[in-house]
Amino acid sequence: MSCVFCRIRDKEIPATFVHEDEHCLAFRDLNPQAPHHILVVPKKHIVSLNDVGPDDADMLGALLLAAGKIARAEGLADGGWRAVVNTGKDGGQSVFHIHVHVLGGRALGWPPG
């Protein structure tokens, strides 16, 4: 499979992992947009939020629970952090395997783009 996140999941491409559970794994982004930039990726390949269904509810919940756990572990909870899911090309998605960006470590502006 050519999906870079599936290749990272399968340990074909190295990454700095910070979390793994039955539903997802998380690793540091190679092109960080904030001092802390971690990607939370489901183990199951799903292209985007446009492709999820009712059977994916547990996995989606696990992604957000993992994001919160990671933010706390990274020391971001008190100052604040952002969870982002880009969907589709115009939404800023560049890797077509659903993932949550955990961003923090500095004041984040709004609107984002």
PDB file of N, CA and C in Angstrom:
ATOM      1  N   MET A   1       0.852  -1.179   0.000  1.00  0.00           N
ATOM      2  CA  MET A   1       0.000   0.000   0.000  1.00  0.00           C
ATOM      3  C   MET A   1       0.890   1.231   0.000  1.00  0.00           C
ATOM      4  N   SER A   2       0.488   2.269  -0.684  1.00  0.00           N
ATOM      5  CA  SER A   2       1.316   3.460  -0.803  1.00  0.00           C
ATOM      6  C   SER A   2       0.996   4.531   0.233  1.00  0.00           C
ATOM      7  N   CYS A   3       0.013   4.314   1.090  1.00  0.00           N
ATOM      8  CA  CYS A   3      -0.348   5.306   2.098  1.00  0.00           C
ATOM      9  C   CYS A   3       0.793   5.436   3.111  1.00  0.00           C
ATOM     10  N   VAL A   4       1.318   6.656   3.248  1.00  0.00           N
ATOM     11  CA  VAL A   4       2.450   6.869   4.134  1.00  0.00           C
ATOM     12  C   VAL A   4       2.102   6.545   5.588  1.00  0.00           C
ATOM     13  N   PHE A   5       0.876   6.849   6.023  1.00  0.00           N
ATOM     14  CA  PHE A   5       0.512   6.555   7.409  1.00  0.00           C
ATOM     15  C   PHE A   5       0.354   5.051   7.633  1.00  0.00           C
ATOM     16  N   CYS A   6      -0.122   4.321   6.643  1.00  0.00           N
ATOM     17  CA  CYS A   6      -0.189   2.860   6.766  1.00  0.00           C
ATOM     18  C   CYS A   6       1.222   2.278   6.825  1.00  0.00           C
ATOM     19  N   ARG A   7       2.135   2.856   6.071  1.00  0.00           N
ATOM     20  CA  ARG A   7       3.523   2.393   6.095  1.00  0.00           C
ATOM     21  C   ARG A   7       4.182   2.707   7.436  1.00  0.00           C
ATOM     22  N   ILE A   8       3.847   3.856   8.028  1.00  0.00           N
ATOM     23  CA  ILE A   8       4.347   4.164   9.375  1.00  0.00           C
ATOM     24  C   ILE A   8       3.738   3.186  10.371  1.00  0.00           C
ATOM     25  N   ARG A   9       2.418   2.947  10.267  1.00  0.00           N
ATOM     26  CA  ARG A   9       1.730   1.989  11.151  1.00  0.00           C
ATOM     27  C   ARG A   9       2.405   0.622  11.090  1.00  0.00           C
ATOM     28  N   ASP A  10       2.799   0.209   9.885  1.00  0.00           N
ATOM     29  CA  ASP A  10       3.410  -1.106   9.689  1.00  0.00           C
ATOM     30  C   ASP A  10       4.917  -1.105   9.959  1.00  0.00           C
ATOM     31  N   LYS A  11       5.435   0.022  10.460  1.00  0.00           N
ATOM     32  CA  LYS A  11       6.846   0.182  10.827  1.00  0.00           C
ATOM     33  C   LYS A  11       7.774   0.072   9.614  1.00  0.00           C
ATOM     34  N   GLU A  12       7.259   0.362   8.420  1.00  0.00           N
ATOM     35  CA  GLU A  12       8.083   0.398   7.213  1.00  0.00           C
ATOM     36  C   GLU A  12       8.804   1.738   7.095  1.00  0.00           C
ATOM     37  N   ILE A  13       8.247   2.761   7.699  1.00  0.00           N
ATOM     38  CA  ILE A  13       8.838   4.098   7.720  1.00  0.00           C
ATOM     39  C   ILE A  13       9.005   4.463   9.192  1.00  0.00           C
ATOM     40  N   PRO A  14      10.194   4.925   9.573  1.00  0.00           N
ATOM     41  CA  PRO A  14      10.400   5.266  10.990  1.00  0.00           C
ATOM     42  C   PRO A  14       9.632   6.517  11.394  1.00  0.00           C
ATOM     43  N   ALA A  15       9.249   6.560  12.645  1.00  0.00           N
ATOM     44  CA  ALA A  15       8.565   7.714  13.228  1.00  0.00           C
ATOM     45  C   ALA A  15       8.854   7.728  14.718  1.00  0.00           C
ATOM     46  N   THR A  16       8.670   8.893  15.316  1.00  0.00           N
ATOM     47  CA  THR A  16       8.829   9.022  16.767  1.00  0.00           C
ATOM     48  C   THR A  16       7.448   8.888  17.384  1.00  0.00           C
ATOM     49  N   PHE A  17       7.145   7.693  17.868  1.00  0.00           N
ATOM     50  CA  PHE A  17       5.830   7.377  18.418  1.00  0.00           C
ATOM     51  C   PHE A  17       5.692   7.911  19.840  1.00  0.00           C
ATOM     52  N   VAL A  18       4.507   8.442  20.151  1.00  0.00           N
ATOM     53  CA  VAL A  18       4.237   8.927  21.503  1.00  0.00           C
ATOM     54  C   VAL A  18       3.047   8.222  22.135  1.00  0.00           C
ATOM     55  N   HIS A  19       2.312   7.441  21.344  1.00  0.00           N
ATOM     56  CA  HIS A  19       1.112   6.763  21.859  1.00  0.00           C
ATOM     57  C   HIS A  19       0.737   5.637  20.909  1.00  0.00           C
ATOM     58  N   GLU A  20       0.207   4.555  21.486  1.00  0.00           N
ATOM     59  CA  GLU A  20      -0.400   3.494  20.686  1.00  0.00           C
ATOM     60  C   GLU A  20      -1.401   2.764  21.557  1.00  0.00           C
ATOM     61  N   ASP A  21      -2.563   2.463  20.979  1.00  0.00           N
ATOM     62  CA  ASP A  21      -3.562   1.632  21.634  1.00  0.00           C
ATOM     63  C   ASP A  21      -4.212   0.762  20.567  1.00  0.00           C
ATOM     64  N   GLU A  22      -5.297   0.098  20.908  1.00  0.00           N
ATOM     65  CA  GLU A  22      -5.898  -0.837  19.949  1.00  0.00           C
ATOM     66  C   GLU A  22      -6.470  -0.151  18.714  1.00  0.00           C
ATOM     67  N   HIS A  23      -6.854   1.126  18.830  1.00  0.00           N
ATOM     68  CA  HIS A  23      -7.491   1.836  17.723  1.00  0.00           C
ATOM     69  C   HIS A  23      -6.549   2.729  16.927  1.00  0.00           C
ATOM     70  N   CYS A  24      -5.533   3.281  17.601  1.00  0.00           N
ATOM     71  CA  CYS A  24      -4.748   4.317  16.922  1.00  0.00           C
ATOM     72  C   CYS A  24      -3.306   4.347  17.403  1.00  0.00           C
ATOM     73  N   LEU A  25      -2.516   5.134  16.688  1.00  0.00           N
ATOM     74  CA  LEU A  25      -1.156   5.413  17.088  1.00  0.00           C
ATOM     75  C   LEU A  25      -0.904   6.891  16.851  1.00  0.00           C
ATOM     76  N   ALA A  26       0.101   7.423  17.526  1.00  0.00           N
ATOM     77  CA  ALA A  26       0.412   8.841  17.396  1.00  0.00           C
ATOM     78  C   ALA A  26       1.918   9.018  17.314  1.00  0.00           C
ATOM     79  N   PHE A  27       2.315   9.969  16.477  1.00  0.00           N
ATOM     80  CA  PHE A  27       3.730  10.223  16.275  1.00  0.00           C
ATOM     81  C   PHE A  27       3.948  11.698  15.961  1.00  0.00           C
ATOM     82  N   ARG A  28       5.178  12.142  16.165  1.00  0.00           N
ATOM     83  CA  ARG A  28       5.520  13.540  15.937  1.00  0.00           C
ATOM     84  C   ARG A  28       5.553  13.836  14.438  1.00  0.00           C
ATOM     85  N   ASP A  29       4.971  14.992  14.066  1.00  0.00           N
ATOM     86  CA  ASP A  29       4.948  15.415  12.669  1.00  0.00           C
ATOM     87  C   ASP A  29       6.366  15.790  12.234  1.00  0.00           C
ATOM     88  N   LEU A  30       6.751  15.384  11.027  1.00  0.00           N
ATOM     89  CA  LEU A  30       8.084  15.703  10.514  1.00  0.00           C
ATOM     90  C   LEU A  30       8.206  17.155  10.069  1.00  0.00           C
ATOM     91  N   ASN A  31       7.079  17.830   9.873  1.00  0.00           N
ATOM     92  CA  ASN A  31       7.058  19.229   9.463  1.00  0.00           C
ATOM     93  C   ASN A  31       6.188  20.010  10.443  1.00  0.00           C
ATOM     94  N   PRO A  32       6.644  20.154  11.695  1.00  0.00           N
ATOM     95  CA  PRO A  32       5.781  20.719  12.737  1.00  0.00           C
ATOM     96  C   PRO A  32       5.383  22.165  12.451  1.00  0.00           C
ATOM     97  N   GLN A  33       4.112  22.461  12.740  1.00  0.00           N
ATOM     98  CA  GLN A  33       3.555  23.796  12.574  1.00  0.00           C
ATOM     99  C   GLN A  33       3.407  24.513  13.910  1.00  0.00           C
ATOM    100  N   ALA A  34       3.856  23.887  14.967  1.00  0.00           N
ATOM    101  CA  ALA A  34       3.841  24.442  16.323  1.00  0.00           C
ATOM    102  C   ALA A  34       4.927  23.703  17.103  1.00  0.00           C
ATOM    103  N   PRO A  35       5.339  24.235  18.257  1.00  0.00           N
ATOM    104  CA  PRO A  35       6.367  23.534  19.036  1.00  0.00           C
ATOM    105  C   PRO A  35       6.010  22.074  19.342  1.00  0.00           C
ATOM    106  N   HIS A  36       4.728  21.809  19.554  1.00  0.00           N
ATOM    107  CA  HIS A  36       4.248  20.436  19.714  1.00  0.00           C
ATOM    108  C   HIS A  36       3.277  20.184  18.566  1.00  0.00           C
ATOM    109  N   HIS A  37       3.588  19.221  17.716  1.00  0.00           N
ATOM    110  CA  HIS A  37       2.715  18.866  16.588  1.00  0.00           C
ATOM    111  C   HIS A  37       2.770  17.356  16.439  1.00  0.00           C
ATOM    112  N   ILE A  38       1.697  16.726  16.864  1.00  0.00           N
ATOM    113  CA  ILE A  38       1.611  15.268  16.882  1.00  0.00           C
ATOM    114  C   ILE A  38       0.415  14.851  16.048  1.00  0.00           C
ATOM    115  N   LEU A  39       0.570  13.782  15.287  1.00  0.00           N
ATOM    116  CA  LEU A  39      -0.503  13.234  14.466  1.00  0.00           C
ATOM    117  C   LEU A  39      -1.058  11.987  15.129  1.00  0.00           C
ATOM    118  N   VAL A  40      -2.375  11.933  15.283  1.00  0.00           N
ATOM    119  CA  VAL A  40      -3.060  10.770  15.850  1.00  0.00           C
ATOM    120  C   VAL A  40      -3.794  10.110  14.692  1.00  0.00           C
ATOM    121  N   VAL A  41      -3.437   8.870  14.413  1.00  0.00           N
ATOM    122  CA  VAL A  41      -3.854   8.177  13.199  1.00  0.00           C
ATOM    123  C   VAL A  41      -4.539   6.863  13.555  1.00  0.00           C
ATOM    124  N   PRO A  42      -5.717   6.592  12.982  1.00  0.00           N
ATOM    125  CA  PRO A  42      -6.311   5.276  13.250  1.00  0.00           C
ATOM    126  C   PRO A  42      -5.507   4.168  12.578  1.00  0.00           C
ATOM    127  N   LYS A  43      -5.499   3.014  13.179  1.00  0.00           N
ATOM    128  CA  LYS A  43      -4.817   1.875  12.572  1.00  0.00           C
ATOM    129  C   LYS A  43      -5.540   1.410  11.315  1.00  0.00           C
ATOM    130  N   LYS A  44      -6.853   1.594  11.295  1.00  0.00           N
ATOM    131  CA  LYS A  44      -7.660   1.250  10.125  1.00  0.00           C
ATOM    132  C   LYS A  44      -7.523   2.367   9.097  1.00  0.00           C
ATOM    133  N   HIS A  45      -7.270   2.006   7.842  1.00  0.00           N
ATOM    134  CA  HIS A  45      -7.162   3.016   6.793  1.00  0.00           C
ATOM    135  C   HIS A  45      -8.557   3.519   6.417  1.00  0.00           C
ATOM    136  N   ILE A  46      -8.763   4.798   6.656  1.00  0.00           N
ATOM    137  CA  ILE A  46      -9.975   5.502   6.230  1.00  0.00           C
ATOM    138  C   ILE A  46      -9.481   6.798   5.611  1.00  0.00           C
ATOM    139  N   VAL A  47      -9.962   7.141   4.432  1.00  0.00           N
ATOM    140  CA  VAL A  47      -9.446   8.287   3.699  1.00  0.00           C
ATOM    141  C   VAL A  47      -9.682   9.599   4.434  1.00  0.00           C
ATOM    142  N   SER A  48     -10.914   9.880   4.839  1.00  0.00           N
ATOM    143  CA  SER A  48     -11.213  11.165   5.479  1.00  0.00           C
ATOM    144  C   SER A  48     -12.507  11.064   6.277  1.00  0.00           C
ATOM    145  N   LEU A  49     -12.888  12.167   6.919  1.00  0.00           N
ATOM    146  CA  LEU A  49     -14.164  12.197   7.633  1.00  0.00           C
ATOM    147  C   LEU A  49     -15.339  11.956   6.694  1.00  0.00           C
ATOM    148  N   ASN A  50     -15.157  12.232   5.410  1.00  0.00           N
ATOM    149  CA  ASN A  50     -16.219  11.958   4.436  1.00  0.00           C
ATOM    150  C   ASN A  50     -16.508  10.466   4.297  1.00  0.00           C
ATOM    151  N   ASP A  51     -15.604   9.630   4.766  1.00  0.00           N
ATOM    152  CA  ASP A  51     -15.699   8.186   4.558  1.00  0.00           C
ATOM    153  C   ASP A  51     -16.011   7.396   5.812  1.00  0.00           C
ATOM    154  N   VAL A  52     -16.297   8.066   6.929  1.00  0.00           N
ATOM    155  CA  VAL A  52     -16.618   7.338   8.156  1.00  0.00           C
ATOM    156  C   VAL A  52     -18.105   7.037   8.223  1.00  0.00           C
ATOM    157  N   GLY A  53     -18.430   5.993   8.960  1.00  0.00           N
ATOM    158  CA  GLY A  53     -19.819   5.604   9.157  1.00  0.00           C
ATOM    159  C   GLY A  53     -20.069   5.293  10.617  1.00  0.00           C
ATOM    160  N   PRO A  54     -21.279   4.867  10.927  1.00  0.00           N
ATOM    161  CA  PRO A  54     -21.629   4.557  12.314  1.00  0.00           C
ATOM    162  C   PRO A  54     -20.706   3.529  12.968  1.00  0.00           C
ATOM    163  N   ASP A  55     -20.180   2.603  12.190  1.00  0.00           N
ATOM    164  CA  ASP A  55     -19.288   1.583  12.740  1.00  0.00           C
ATOM    165  C   ASP A  55     -17.936   2.157  13.171  1.00  0.00           C
ATOM    166  N   ASP A  56     -17.651   3.390  12.771  1.00  0.00           N
ATOM    167  CA  ASP A  56     -16.377   4.016  13.102  1.00  0.00           C
ATOM    168  C   ASP A  56     -16.446   4.898  14.346  1.00  0.00           C
ATOM    169  N   ALA A  57     -17.593   4.930  15.014  1.00  0.00           N
ATOM    170  CA  ALA A  57     -17.771   5.829  16.166  1.00  0.00           C
ATOM    171  C   ALA A  57     -16.759   5.546  17.272  1.00  0.00           C
ATOM    172  N   ASP A  58     -16.508   4.299  17.605  1.00  0.00           N
ATOM    173  CA  ASP A  58     -15.546   3.978  18.665  1.00  0.00           C
ATOM    174  C   ASP A  58     -14.144   4.444  18.284  1.00  0.00           C
ATOM    175  N   MET A  59     -13.771   4.242  17.022  1.00  0.00           N
ATOM    176  CA  MET A  59     -12.454   4.659  16.559  1.00  0.00           C
ATOM    177  C   MET A  59     -12.327   6.178  16.615  1.00  0.00           C
ATOM    178  N   LEU A  60     -13.360   6.899  16.185  1.00  0.00           N
ATOM    179  CA  LEU A  60     -13.313   8.363  16.220  1.00  0.00           C
ATOM    180  C   LEU A  60     -13.196   8.870  17.653  1.00  0.00           C
ATOM    181  N   GLY A  61     -13.942   8.262  18.561  1.00  0.00           N
ATOM    182  CA  GLY A  61     -13.828   8.625  19.965  1.00  0.00           C
ATOM    183  C   GLY A  61     -12.440   8.340  20.503  1.00  0.00           C
ATOM    184  N   ALA A  62     -11.866   7.212  20.099  1.00  0.00           N
ATOM    185  CA  ALA A  62     -10.518   6.851  20.553  1.00  0.00           C
ATOM    186  C   ALA A  62      -9.488   7.863  20.063  1.00  0.00           C
ATOM    187  N   LEU A  63      -9.660   8.395  18.848  1.00  0.00           N
ATOM    188  CA  LEU A  63      -8.731   9.401  18.331  1.00  0.00           C
ATOM    189  C   LEU A  63      -8.741  10.649  19.218  1.00  0.00           C
ATOM    190  N   LEU A  64      -9.937  11.113  19.582  1.00  0.00           N
ATOM    191  CA  LEU A  64     -10.032  12.323  20.401  1.00  0.00           C
ATOM    192  C   LEU A  64      -9.588  12.073  21.839  1.00  0.00           C
ATOM    193  N   LEU A  65      -9.913  10.910  22.379  1.00  0.00           N
ATOM    194  CA  LEU A  65      -9.418  10.576  23.722  1.00  0.00           C
ATOM    195  C   LEU A  65      -7.893  10.514  23.741  1.00  0.00           C
ATOM    196  N   ALA A  66      -7.311   9.925  22.696  1.00  0.00           N
ATOM    197  CA  ALA A  66      -5.850   9.869  22.603  1.00  0.00           C
ATOM    198  C   ALA A  66      -5.272  11.273  22.475  1.00  0.00           C
ATOM    199  N   ALA A  67      -5.908  12.137  21.694  1.00  0.00           N
ATOM    200  CA  ALA A  67      -5.433  13.515  21.534  1.00  0.00           C
ATOM    201  C   ALA A  67      -5.377  14.217  22.895  1.00  0.00           C
ATOM    202  N   GLY A  68      -6.414  14.059  23.704  1.00  0.00           N
ATOM    203  CA  GLY A  68      -6.432  14.664  25.030  1.00  0.00           C
ATOM    204  C   GLY A  68      -5.346  14.104  25.933  1.00  0.00           C
ATOM    205  N   LYS A  69      -5.175  12.804  25.893  1.00  0.00           N
ATOM    206  CA  LYS A  69      -4.141  12.158  26.709  1.00  0.00           C
ATOM    207  C   LYS A  69      -2.753  12.662  26.306  1.00  0.00           C
ATOM    208  N   ILE A  70      -2.526  12.779  25.011  1.00  0.00           N
ATOM    209  CA  ILE A  70      -1.235  13.249  24.499  1.00  0.00           C
ATOM    210  C   ILE A  70      -1.005  14.707  24.903  1.00  0.00           C
ATOM    211  N   ALA A  71      -2.039  15.534  24.760  1.00  0.00           N
ATOM    212  CA  ALA A  71      -1.902  16.950  25.139  1.00  0.00           C
ATOM    213  C   ALA A  71      -1.530  17.085  26.613  1.00  0.00           C
ATOM    214  N   ARG A  72      -2.161  16.290  27.461  1.00  0.00           N
ATOM    215  CA  ARG A  72      -1.816  16.330  28.885  1.00  0.00           C
ATOM    216  C   ARG A  72      -0.370  15.868  29.105  1.00  0.00           C
ATOM    217  N   ALA A  73       0.021  14.787  28.441  1.00  0.00           N
ATOM    218  CA  ALA A  73       1.374  14.251  28.596  1.00  0.00           C
ATOM    219  C   ALA A  73       2.432  15.230  28.088  1.00  0.00           C
ATOM    220  N   GLU A  74       2.096  16.016  27.078  1.00  0.00           N
ATOM    221  CA  GLU A  74       3.023  16.995  26.509  1.00  0.00           C
ATOM    222  C   GLU A  74       3.037  18.298  27.301  1.00  0.00           C
ATOM    223  N   GLY A  75       2.193  18.409  28.333  1.00  0.00           N
ATOM    224  CA  GLY A  75       2.139  19.612  29.151  1.00  0.00           C
ATOM    225  C   GLY A  75       1.368  20.753  28.516  1.00  0.00           C
ATOM    226  N   LEU A  76       0.435  20.434  27.612  1.00  0.00           N
ATOM    227  CA  LEU A  76      -0.311  21.460  26.880  1.00  0.00           C
ATOM    228  C   LEU A  76      -1.655  21.799  27.494  1.00  0.00           C
ATOM    229  N   ALA A  77      -2.152  20.980  28.390  1.00  0.00           N
ATOM    230  CA  ALA A  77      -3.530  21.107  28.876  1.00  0.00           C
ATOM    231  C   ALA A  77      -3.796  22.458  29.533  1.00  0.00           C
ATOM    232  N   ASP A  78      -2.893  22.936  30.368  1.00  0.00           N
ATOM    233  CA  ASP A  78      -3.133  24.185  31.092  1.00  0.00           C
ATOM    234  C   ASP A  78      -3.127  25.396  30.171  1.00  0.00           C
ATOM    235  N   GLY A  79      -2.176  25.457  29.256  1.00  0.00           N
ATOM    236  CA  GLY A  79      -2.061  26.616  28.369  1.00  0.00           C
ATOM    237  C   GLY A  79      -3.014  26.590  27.196  1.00  0.00           C
ATOM    238  N   GLY A  80      -3.434  25.401  26.798  1.00  0.00           N
ATOM    239  CA  GLY A  80      -4.340  25.245  25.672  1.00  0.00           C
ATOM    240  C   GLY A  80      -3.659  24.611  24.474  1.00  0.00           C
ATOM    241  N   TRP A  81      -4.464  23.984  23.672  1.00  0.00           N
ATOM    242  CA  TRP A  81      -3.983  23.275  22.498  1.00  0.00           C
ATOM    243  C   TRP A  81      -5.117  23.150  21.499  1.00  0.00           C
ATOM    244  N   ARG A  82      -4.813  22.678  20.320  1.00  0.00           N
ATOM    245  CA  ARG A  82      -5.821  22.552  19.269  1.00  0.00           C
ATOM    246  C   ARG A  82      -5.782  21.158  18.676  1.00  0.00           C
ATOM    247  N   ALA A  83      -6.965  20.608  18.405  1.00  0.00           N
ATOM    248  CA  ALA A  83      -7.120  19.361  17.654  1.00  0.00           C
ATOM    249  C   ALA A  83      -7.743  19.731  16.321  1.00  0.00           C
ATOM    250  N   VAL A  84      -7.116  19.291  15.229  1.00  0.00           N
ATOM    251  CA  VAL A  84      -7.568  19.646  13.883  1.00  0.00           C
ATOM    252  C   VAL A  84      -7.698  18.380  13.045  1.00  0.00           C
ATOM    253  N   VAL A  85      -8.810  18.288  12.303  1.00  0.00           N
ATOM    254  CA  VAL A  85      -8.979  17.232  11.312  1.00  0.00           C
ATOM    255  C   VAL A  85      -9.262  17.920   9.982  1.00  0.00           C
ATOM    256  N   ASN A  86      -8.281  17.918   9.096  1.00  0.00           N
ATOM    257  CA  ASN A  86      -8.464  18.471   7.761  1.00  0.00           C
ATOM    258  C   ASN A  86      -9.154  17.424   6.899  1.00  0.00           C
ATOM    259  N   THR A  87     -10.118  17.862   6.107  1.00  0.00           N
ATOM    260  CA  THR A  87     -10.882  16.918   5.283  1.00  0.00           C
ATOM    261  C   THR A  87     -10.898  17.401   3.841  1.00  0.00           C
ATOM    262  N   GLY A  88     -10.328  16.592   2.960  1.00  0.00           N
ATOM    263  CA  GLY A  88     -10.297  16.915   1.539  1.00  0.00           C
ATOM    264  C   GLY A  88      -9.220  17.927   1.196  1.00  0.00           C
ATOM    265  N   LYS A  89      -8.905  18.001  -0.092  1.00  0.00           N
ATOM    266  CA  LYS A  89      -7.838  18.872  -0.575  1.00  0.00           C
ATOM    267  C   LYS A  89      -8.072  20.325  -0.177  1.00  0.00           C
ATOM    268  N   ASP A  90      -9.281  20.845  -0.413  1.00  0.00           N
ATOM    269  CA  ASP A  90      -9.558  22.243  -0.075  1.00  0.00           C
ATOM    270  C   ASP A  90      -9.604  22.481   1.430  1.00  0.00           C
ATOM    271  N   GLY A  91      -9.781  21.431   2.212  1.00  0.00           N
ATOM    272  CA  GLY A  91      -9.747  21.542   3.672  1.00  0.00           C
ATOM    273  C   GLY A  91      -8.344  21.445   4.236  1.00  0.00           C
ATOM    274  N   GLY A  92      -7.355  21.275   3.371  1.00  0.00           N
ATOM    275  CA  GLY A  92      -5.967  21.222   3.807  1.00  0.00           C
ATOM    276  C   GLY A  92      -5.417  19.829   4.028  1.00  0.00           C
ATOM    277  N   GLN A  93      -6.189  18.802   3.685  1.00  0.00           N
ATOM    278  CA  GLN A  93      -5.710  17.430   3.881  1.00  0.00           C
ATOM    279  C   GLN A  93      -4.670  17.110   2.816  1.00  0.00           C
ATOM    280  N   SER A  94      -3.489  16.680   3.249  1.00  0.00           N
ATOM    281  CA  SER A  94      -2.424  16.335   2.305  1.00  0.00           C
ATOM    282  C   SER A  94      -2.084  14.850   2.323  1.00  0.00           C
ATOM    283  N   VAL A  95      -2.424  14.160   3.409  1.00  0.00           N
ATOM    284  CA  VAL A  95      -2.279  12.702   3.469  1.00  0.00           C
ATOM    285  C   VAL A  95      -3.687  12.153   3.619  1.00  0.00           C
ATOM    286  N   PHE A  96      -4.083  11.312   2.678  1.00  0.00           N
ATOM    287  CA  PHE A  96      -5.462  10.851   2.623  1.00  0.00           C
ATOM    288  C   PHE A  96      -5.660   9.560   3.416  1.00  0.00           C
ATOM    289  N   HIS A  97      -5.443   9.720   4.703  1.00  0.00           N
ATOM    290  CA  HIS A  97      -5.695   8.737   5.760  1.00  0.00           C
ATOM    291  C   HIS A  97      -6.092   9.621   6.940  1.00  0.00           C
ATOM    292  N   ILE A  98      -7.336   9.512   7.378  1.00  0.00           N
ATOM    293  CA  ILE A  98      -7.843  10.405   8.428  1.00  0.00           C
ATOM    294  C   ILE A  98      -6.860  10.487   9.585  1.00  0.00           C
ATOM    295  N   HIS A  99      -6.696  11.695  10.133  1.00  0.00           N
ATOM    296  CA  HIS A  99      -5.796  11.894  11.267  1.00  0.00           C
ATOM    297  C   HIS A  99      -6.153  13.187  11.981  1.00  0.00           C
ATOM    298  N   VAL A 100      -5.799  13.230  13.259  1.00  0.00           N
ATOM    299  CA  VAL A 100      -6.013  14.400  14.100  1.00  0.00           C
ATOM    300  C   VAL A 100      -4.651  15.022  14.380  1.00  0.00           C
ATOM    301  N   HIS A 101      -4.539  16.322  14.099  1.00  0.00           N
ATOM    302  CA  HIS A 101      -3.347  17.073  14.464  1.00  0.00           C
ATOM    303  C   HIS A 101      -3.524  17.570  15.896  1.00  0.00           C
ATOM    304  N   VAL A 102      -2.553  17.336  16.753  1.00  0.00           N
ATOM    305  CA  VAL A 102      -2.513  17.906  18.091  1.00  0.00           C
ATOM    306  C   VAL A 102      -1.433  18.981  18.042  1.00  0.00           C
ATOM    307  N   LEU A 103      -1.857  20.237  18.200  1.00  0.00           N
ATOM    308  CA  LEU A 103      -0.958  21.381  18.072  1.00  0.00           C
ATOM    309  C   LEU A 103      -0.955  22.191  19.357  1.00  0.00           C
ATOM    310  N   GLY A 104       0.212  22.617  19.799  1.00  0.00           N
ATOM    311  CA  GLY A 104       0.291  23.448  20.988  1.00  0.00           C
ATOM    312  C   GLY A 104       1.709  23.884  21.267  1.00  0.00           C
ATOM    313  N   GLY A 105       1.865  24.568  22.380  1.00  0.00           N
ATOM    314  CA  GLY A 105       3.169  25.049  22.779  1.00  0.00           C
ATOM    315  C   GLY A 105       3.400  26.513  22.452  1.00  0.00           C
ATOM    316  N   ARG A 106       2.402  27.150  21.832  1.00  0.00           N
ATOM    317  CA  ARG A 106       2.427  28.581  21.551  1.00  0.00           C
ATOM    318  C   ARG A 106       0.986  29.036  21.371  1.00  0.00           C
ATOM    319  N   ALA A 107       0.775  30.352  21.386  1.00  0.00           N
ATOM    320  CA  ALA A 107      -0.569  30.878  21.124  1.00  0.00           C
ATOM    321  C   ALA A 107      -0.903  30.608  19.660  1.00  0.00           C
ATOM    322  N   LEU A 108      -2.065  30.025  19.423  1.00  0.00           N
ATOM    323  CA  LEU A 108      -2.504  29.679  18.078  1.00  0.00           C
ATOM    324  C   LEU A 108      -3.548  30.702  17.622  1.00  0.00           C
ATOM    325  N   GLY A 109      -3.358  31.281  16.470  1.00  0.00           N
ATOM    326  CA  GLY A 109      -4.257  32.314  15.960  1.00  0.00           C
ATOM    327  C   GLY A 109      -5.534  31.746  15.379  1.00  0.00           C
ATOM    328  N   TRP A 110      -6.489  32.648  15.160  1.00  0.00           N
ATOM    329  CA  TRP A 110      -7.758  32.291  14.532  1.00  0.00           C
ATOM    330  C   TRP A 110      -8.218  33.468  13.699  1.00  0.00           C
ATOM    331  N   PRO A 111      -8.686  33.312  12.489  1.00  0.00           N
ATOM    332  CA  PRO A 111      -8.907  32.020  11.829  1.00  0.00           C
ATOM    333  C   PRO A 111      -7.599  31.381  11.383  1.00  0.00           C
ATOM    334  N   PRO A 112      -7.594  30.054  11.261  1.00  0.00           N
ATOM    335  CA  PRO A 112      -6.356  29.334  10.995  1.00  0.00           C
ATOM    336  C   PRO A 112      -5.850  29.462   9.569  1.00  0.00           C
ATOM    337  N   GLY A 113      -6.702  29.694   8.595  1.00  0.00           N
ATOM    338  CA  GLY A 113      -6.183  29.659   7.226  1.00  0.00           C
ATOM    339  C   GLY A 113      -6.809  30.668   6.380  1.00  0.00           C
TER     340      GLY A 113
END
